[in-house]
Amino acid sequence: MACMSPMFRRGGRRTQKLESAESAENLEAKVAEGRLVTLIGKPGCHLCEEAQGVVEKVCGDLGVPWEQKDITQDEELHRAYWEQIPVVLVDGAQHTFWRVNEDRLRRALTQ
């Protein structure tokens, strides 16, 4: 059976696409499991607003939960990060500060 009908071949491609979509969903579930991104900043900070947009996009794409903390409401965070805001933590460890690179954050969450 050297030749397959076009209908059968097309079905094979659909199966591959379905498997790719399932793989993406599995990756998203694995990435989200046990991960947490924390954005530390303060109100009125334009860099914090930019960072929030990147964090929302990447975390939304990957299904990773994220939280936002305000240094003006937490003395310990203020002492630790007041010169670096915005600061992004991944699973409690400092990932970056000032500018958030979307590709770098995505890699950190998928590796």
N, C-alpha and C. Protein backbone atom coordinates (compact mmCIF):
# COMPACT_ATOMS: atom_id res chain seq x y z
N MET A 1 0.84 -1.16 0.00
CA MET A 1 0.00 0.00 0.00
C MET A 1 0.90 1.24 0.00
N ALA A 2 1.47 1.55 -1.14
CA ALA A 2 2.43 2.63 -1.27
C ALA A 2 1.77 3.99 -1.33
N CYS A 3 0.54 4.05 -1.79
CA CYS A 3 -0.11 5.34 -1.97
C CYS A 3 -1.28 5.46 -1.01
N MET A 4 -1.34 6.55 -0.34
CA MET A 4 -2.47 6.79 0.57
C MET A 4 -3.39 7.80 -0.04
N SER A 5 -4.65 7.71 0.30
CA SER A 5 -5.59 8.68 -0.24
C SER A 5 -5.34 10.04 0.40
N PRO A 6 -5.64 11.12 -0.32
CA PRO A 6 -5.46 12.47 0.23
C PRO A 6 -6.23 12.66 1.54
N MET A 7 -7.40 12.03 1.64
CA MET A 7 -8.21 12.17 2.84
C MET A 7 -7.47 11.60 4.04
N PHE A 8 -6.84 10.46 3.86
CA PHE A 8 -6.11 9.83 4.96
C PHE A 8 -4.92 10.69 5.37
N ARG A 9 -4.20 11.22 4.38
CA ARG A 9 -3.03 12.06 4.69
C ARG A 9 -3.47 13.31 5.45
N ARG A 10 -4.54 13.94 5.02
CA ARG A 10 -5.01 15.13 5.70
C ARG A 10 -5.35 14.82 7.15
N GLY A 11 -5.97 13.67 7.38
CA GLY A 11 -6.31 13.28 8.75
C GLY A 11 -5.06 13.16 9.60
N GLY A 12 -3.97 12.68 9.02
CA GLY A 12 -2.72 12.57 9.76
C GLY A 12 -2.21 13.92 10.20
N ARG A 13 -2.32 14.90 9.34
CA ARG A 13 -1.88 16.26 9.71
C ARG A 13 -2.74 16.81 10.84
N ARG A 14 -4.02 16.54 10.77
CA ARG A 14 -4.90 17.01 11.84
C ARG A 14 -4.51 16.38 13.17
N THR A 15 -4.17 15.11 13.12
CA THR A 15 -3.76 14.42 14.34
C THR A 15 -2.49 15.06 14.89
N GLN A 16 -1.54 15.41 14.00
CA GLN A 16 -0.31 16.07 14.46
C GLN A 16 -0.64 17.41 15.11
N LYS A 17 -1.53 18.18 14.51
CA LYS A 17 -1.89 19.47 15.08
C LYS A 17 -2.54 19.29 16.44
N LEU A 18 -3.42 18.28 16.54
CA LEU A 18 -4.06 18.00 17.82
C LEU A 18 -3.03 17.63 18.87
N GLU A 19 -2.07 16.78 18.49
CA GLU A 19 -1.02 16.38 19.42
C GLU A 19 -0.19 17.59 19.85
N SER A 20 0.08 18.52 18.92
CA SER A 20 0.84 19.72 19.26
C SER A 20 0.07 20.58 20.25
N ALA A 21 -1.24 20.72 20.03
CA ALA A 21 -2.05 21.51 20.95
C ALA A 21 -2.08 20.85 22.33
N GLU A 22 -2.19 19.52 22.35
CA GLU A 22 -2.18 18.82 23.63
C GLU A 22 -0.83 18.97 24.32
N SER A 23 0.26 18.94 23.55
CA SER A 23 1.58 19.12 24.11
C SER A 23 1.72 20.50 24.73
N ALA A 24 1.19 21.52 24.05
CA ALA A 24 1.24 22.89 24.58
C ALA A 24 0.45 22.98 25.87
N GLU A 25 -0.70 22.32 25.94
CA GLU A 25 -1.50 22.32 27.16
C GLU A 25 -0.77 21.60 28.28
N ASN A 26 -0.10 20.48 27.96
CA ASN A 26 0.66 19.75 28.97
C ASN A 26 1.82 20.60 29.48
N LEU A 27 2.51 21.30 28.59
CA LEU A 27 3.62 22.17 28.99
C LEU A 27 3.10 23.26 29.91
N GLU A 28 1.96 23.85 29.54
CA GLU A 28 1.38 24.91 30.36
C GLU A 28 1.05 24.39 31.75
N ALA A 29 0.47 23.20 31.84
CA ALA A 29 0.13 22.62 33.15
C ALA A 29 1.39 22.35 33.96
N LYS A 30 2.43 21.82 33.33
CA LYS A 30 3.67 21.52 34.04
C LYS A 30 4.35 22.81 34.51
N VAL A 31 4.32 23.83 33.67
CA VAL A 31 4.96 25.11 34.02
C VAL A 31 4.24 25.73 35.20
N ALA A 32 2.91 25.73 35.16
CA ALA A 32 2.13 26.40 36.19
C ALA A 32 2.23 25.70 37.55
N GLU A 33 2.47 24.41 37.53
CA GLU A 33 2.49 23.64 38.77
C GLU A 33 3.61 24.10 39.69
N GLY A 34 3.23 24.67 40.82
CA GLY A 34 4.21 25.08 41.82
C GLY A 34 4.98 26.34 41.51
N ARG A 35 4.63 27.06 40.45
CA ARG A 35 5.36 28.29 40.09
C ARG A 35 4.60 29.50 40.61
N LEU A 36 5.34 30.56 40.90
CA LEU A 36 4.72 31.81 41.30
C LEU A 36 5.65 32.96 40.93
N VAL A 37 5.09 33.93 40.24
CA VAL A 37 5.83 35.14 39.90
C VAL A 37 5.32 36.26 40.81
N THR A 38 6.25 36.99 41.40
CA THR A 38 5.90 38.11 42.26
C THR A 38 6.47 39.39 41.66
N LEU A 39 5.62 40.38 41.50
CA LEU A 39 6.04 41.69 41.00
C LEU A 39 6.00 42.65 42.18
N ILE A 40 7.15 43.22 42.50
CA ILE A 40 7.27 44.16 43.61
C ILE A 40 7.46 45.56 43.04
N GLY A 41 6.59 46.48 43.44
CA GLY A 41 6.67 47.84 42.93
C GLY A 41 5.95 48.80 43.84
N LYS A 42 5.52 49.92 43.26
CA LYS A 42 4.76 50.90 44.02
C LYS A 42 3.84 51.65 43.06
N PRO A 43 2.77 52.24 43.59
CA PRO A 43 1.84 53.01 42.74
C PRO A 43 2.54 54.21 42.12
N GLY A 44 2.13 54.53 40.90
CA GLY A 44 2.65 55.70 40.21
C GLY A 44 4.00 55.51 39.54
N CYS A 45 4.53 54.31 39.57
CA CYS A 45 5.84 54.00 38.97
C CYS A 45 5.62 53.52 37.53
N HIS A 46 6.11 54.30 36.56
CA HIS A 46 5.87 53.92 35.16
C HIS A 46 6.59 52.63 34.78
N LEU A 47 7.77 52.38 35.35
CA LEU A 47 8.46 51.11 35.06
C LEU A 47 7.69 49.93 35.65
N CYS A 48 7.05 50.16 36.79
CA CYS A 48 6.25 49.10 37.41
C CYS A 48 5.05 48.76 36.53
N GLU A 49 4.44 49.78 35.93
CA GLU A 49 3.32 49.55 35.04
C GLU A 49 3.75 48.76 33.80
N GLU A 50 4.90 49.10 33.25
CA GLU A 50 5.44 48.37 32.09
C GLU A 50 5.72 46.92 32.48
N ALA A 51 6.34 46.73 33.63
CA ALA A 51 6.67 45.38 34.11
C ALA A 51 5.40 44.56 34.31
N GLN A 52 4.37 45.19 34.83
CA GLN A 52 3.11 44.49 35.06
C GLN A 52 2.53 43.97 33.74
N GLY A 53 2.62 44.77 32.69
CA GLY A 53 2.13 44.33 31.39
C GLY A 53 2.86 43.09 30.89
N VAL A 54 4.17 43.06 31.07
CA VAL A 54 4.96 41.89 30.63
C VAL A 54 4.62 40.68 31.49
N VAL A 55 4.56 40.87 32.79
CA VAL A 55 4.26 39.75 33.70
C VAL A 55 2.87 39.20 33.41
N GLU A 56 1.89 40.07 33.24
CA GLU A 56 0.53 39.62 32.93
C GLU A 56 0.50 38.81 31.65
N LYS A 57 1.20 39.27 30.62
CA LYS A 57 1.20 38.58 29.32
C LYS A 57 1.85 37.20 29.44
N VAL A 58 3.06 37.15 29.98
CA VAL A 58 3.79 35.88 30.05
C VAL A 58 3.07 34.90 30.96
N CYS A 59 2.67 35.35 32.13
CA CYS A 59 1.99 34.46 33.06
C CYS A 59 0.64 34.01 32.51
N GLY A 60 -0.05 34.91 31.84
CA GLY A 60 -1.31 34.54 31.21
C GLY A 60 -1.12 33.51 30.12
N ASP A 61 -0.11 33.69 29.30
CA ASP A 61 0.18 32.73 28.22
C ASP A 61 0.52 31.35 28.77
N LEU A 62 1.27 31.31 29.88
CA LEU A 62 1.75 30.05 30.42
C LEU A 62 0.87 29.48 31.53
N GLY A 63 -0.11 30.24 31.97
CA GLY A 63 -0.97 29.77 33.05
C GLY A 63 -0.28 29.76 34.41
N VAL A 64 0.69 30.65 34.58
CA VAL A 64 1.44 30.73 35.84
C VAL A 64 0.80 31.80 36.72
N PRO A 65 0.53 31.49 37.97
CA PRO A 65 -0.03 32.51 38.85
C PRO A 65 1.00 33.59 39.18
N TRP A 66 0.51 34.81 39.42
CA TRP A 66 1.42 35.88 39.79
C TRP A 66 0.72 36.76 40.81
N GLU A 67 1.53 37.47 41.57
CA GLU A 67 1.01 38.38 42.58
C GLU A 67 1.77 39.69 42.50
N GLN A 68 1.16 40.72 43.08
CA GLN A 68 1.79 42.03 43.08
C GLN A 68 1.91 42.50 44.52
N LYS A 69 3.09 43.02 44.88
CA LYS A 69 3.32 43.54 46.22
C LYS A 69 3.78 44.98 46.12
N ASP A 70 3.32 45.79 47.08
CA ASP A 70 3.57 47.22 47.10
C ASP A 70 4.59 47.54 48.20
N ILE A 71 5.73 48.12 47.83
CA ILE A 71 6.76 48.42 48.83
C ILE A 71 6.33 49.50 49.81
N THR A 72 5.32 50.29 49.44
CA THR A 72 4.86 51.32 50.36
C THR A 72 3.99 50.74 51.47
N GLN A 73 3.60 49.49 51.33
CA GLN A 73 2.75 48.82 52.32
C GLN A 73 3.51 47.78 53.13
N ASP A 74 4.80 47.60 52.85
CA ASP A 74 5.58 46.54 53.51
C ASP A 74 6.99 47.05 53.77
N GLU A 75 7.31 47.33 55.02
CA GLU A 75 8.60 47.91 55.39
C GLU A 75 9.77 47.01 55.00
N GLU A 76 9.62 45.71 55.17
CA GLU A 76 10.71 44.78 54.82
C GLU A 76 10.99 44.81 53.31
N LEU A 77 9.95 44.80 52.51
CA LEU A 77 10.14 44.89 51.05
C LEU A 77 10.74 46.24 50.67
N HIS A 78 10.30 47.29 51.34
CA HIS A 78 10.83 48.62 51.07
C HIS A 78 12.33 48.67 51.31
N ARG A 79 12.77 48.14 52.46
CA ARG A 79 14.21 48.12 52.77
C ARG A 79 14.99 47.29 51.74
N ALA A 80 14.43 46.18 51.35
CA ALA A 80 15.15 45.27 50.45
C ALA A 80 15.21 45.75 49.00
N TYR A 81 14.15 46.41 48.53
CA TYR A 81 14.04 46.65 47.08
C TYR A 81 13.81 48.09 46.66
N TRP A 82 13.80 49.07 47.55
CA TRP A 82 13.37 50.41 47.17
C TRP A 82 14.17 51.03 46.03
N GLU A 83 15.43 50.64 45.87
CA GLU A 83 16.24 51.20 44.78
C GLU A 83 16.14 50.41 43.47
N GLN A 84 15.47 49.28 43.51
CA GLN A 84 15.45 48.40 42.35
C GLN A 84 14.09 48.27 41.67
N ILE A 85 13.04 48.82 42.23
CA ILE A 85 11.72 48.54 41.68
C ILE A 85 11.59 49.00 40.23
N PRO A 86 10.82 48.26 39.46
CA PRO A 86 10.13 47.04 39.82
C PRO A 86 11.09 45.85 39.90
N VAL A 87 10.76 44.93 40.78
CA VAL A 87 11.54 43.71 40.94
C VAL A 87 10.61 42.54 40.65
N VAL A 88 11.13 41.55 39.93
CA VAL A 88 10.36 40.35 39.64
C VAL A 88 11.05 39.18 40.32
N LEU A 89 10.27 38.44 41.10
CA LEU A 89 10.75 37.21 41.73
C LEU A 89 10.09 36.04 41.02
N VAL A 90 10.84 34.99 40.79
CA VAL A 90 10.28 33.75 40.27
C VAL A 90 10.49 32.70 41.35
N ASP A 91 9.40 32.19 41.86
CA ASP A 91 9.44 31.20 42.94
C ASP A 91 10.25 31.71 44.13
N GLY A 92 10.11 33.00 44.43
CA GLY A 92 10.76 33.60 45.59
C GLY A 92 12.18 34.07 45.38
N ALA A 93 12.79 33.76 44.25
CA ALA A 93 14.17 34.19 43.96
C ALA A 93 14.13 35.36 42.98
N GLN A 94 14.99 36.34 43.21
CA GLN A 94 15.00 37.51 42.33
C GLN A 94 15.39 37.11 40.91
N HIS A 95 14.53 37.47 39.99
CA HIS A 95 14.75 37.18 38.57
C HIS A 95 15.34 38.40 37.86
N THR A 96 14.76 39.57 38.09
CA THR A 96 15.21 40.78 37.42
C THR A 96 14.71 42.01 38.16
N PHE A 97 15.19 43.17 37.75
CA PHE A 97 14.68 44.43 38.28
C PHE A 97 14.78 45.50 37.19
N TRP A 98 14.09 46.59 37.40
CA TRP A 98 13.94 47.73 36.50
C TRP A 98 13.20 47.40 35.22
N ARG A 99 13.78 46.65 34.34
CA ARG A 99 13.13 46.29 33.07
C ARG A 99 12.92 44.78 33.01
N VAL A 100 11.74 44.37 32.58
CA VAL A 100 11.41 42.95 32.49
C VAL A 100 11.43 42.55 31.02
N ASN A 101 12.29 41.59 30.69
CA ASN A 101 12.38 41.09 29.33
C ASN A 101 11.43 39.90 29.18
N GLU A 102 10.48 40.03 28.26
CA GLU A 102 9.46 39.01 28.08
C GLU A 102 10.07 37.64 27.75
N ASP A 103 11.00 37.58 26.82
CA ASP A 103 11.59 36.30 26.43
C ASP A 103 12.36 35.66 27.59
N ARG A 104 13.09 36.46 28.32
CA ARG A 104 13.88 35.95 29.45
C ARG A 104 12.97 35.39 30.55
N LEU A 105 11.87 36.10 30.85
CA LEU A 105 10.92 35.62 31.85
C LEU A 105 10.26 34.33 31.37
N ARG A 106 9.88 34.28 30.12
CA ARG A 106 9.25 33.07 29.57
C ARG A 106 10.21 31.87 29.68
N ARG A 107 11.50 32.09 29.34
CA ARG A 107 12.48 31.00 29.45
C ARG A 107 12.62 30.54 30.89
N ALA A 108 12.66 31.48 31.81
CA ALA A 108 12.82 31.13 33.23
C ALA A 108 11.65 30.28 33.71
N LEU A 109 10.49 30.52 33.17
CA LEU A 109 9.32 29.77 33.61
C LEU A 109 9.13 28.44 32.89
N THR A 110 9.79 28.25 31.77
CA THR A 110 9.60 27.01 31.01
C THR A 110 10.80 26.06 31.10
N GLN A 111 11.84 26.47 31.77
CA GLN A 111 13.01 25.57 31.89
C GLN A 111 13.01 24.87 33.23
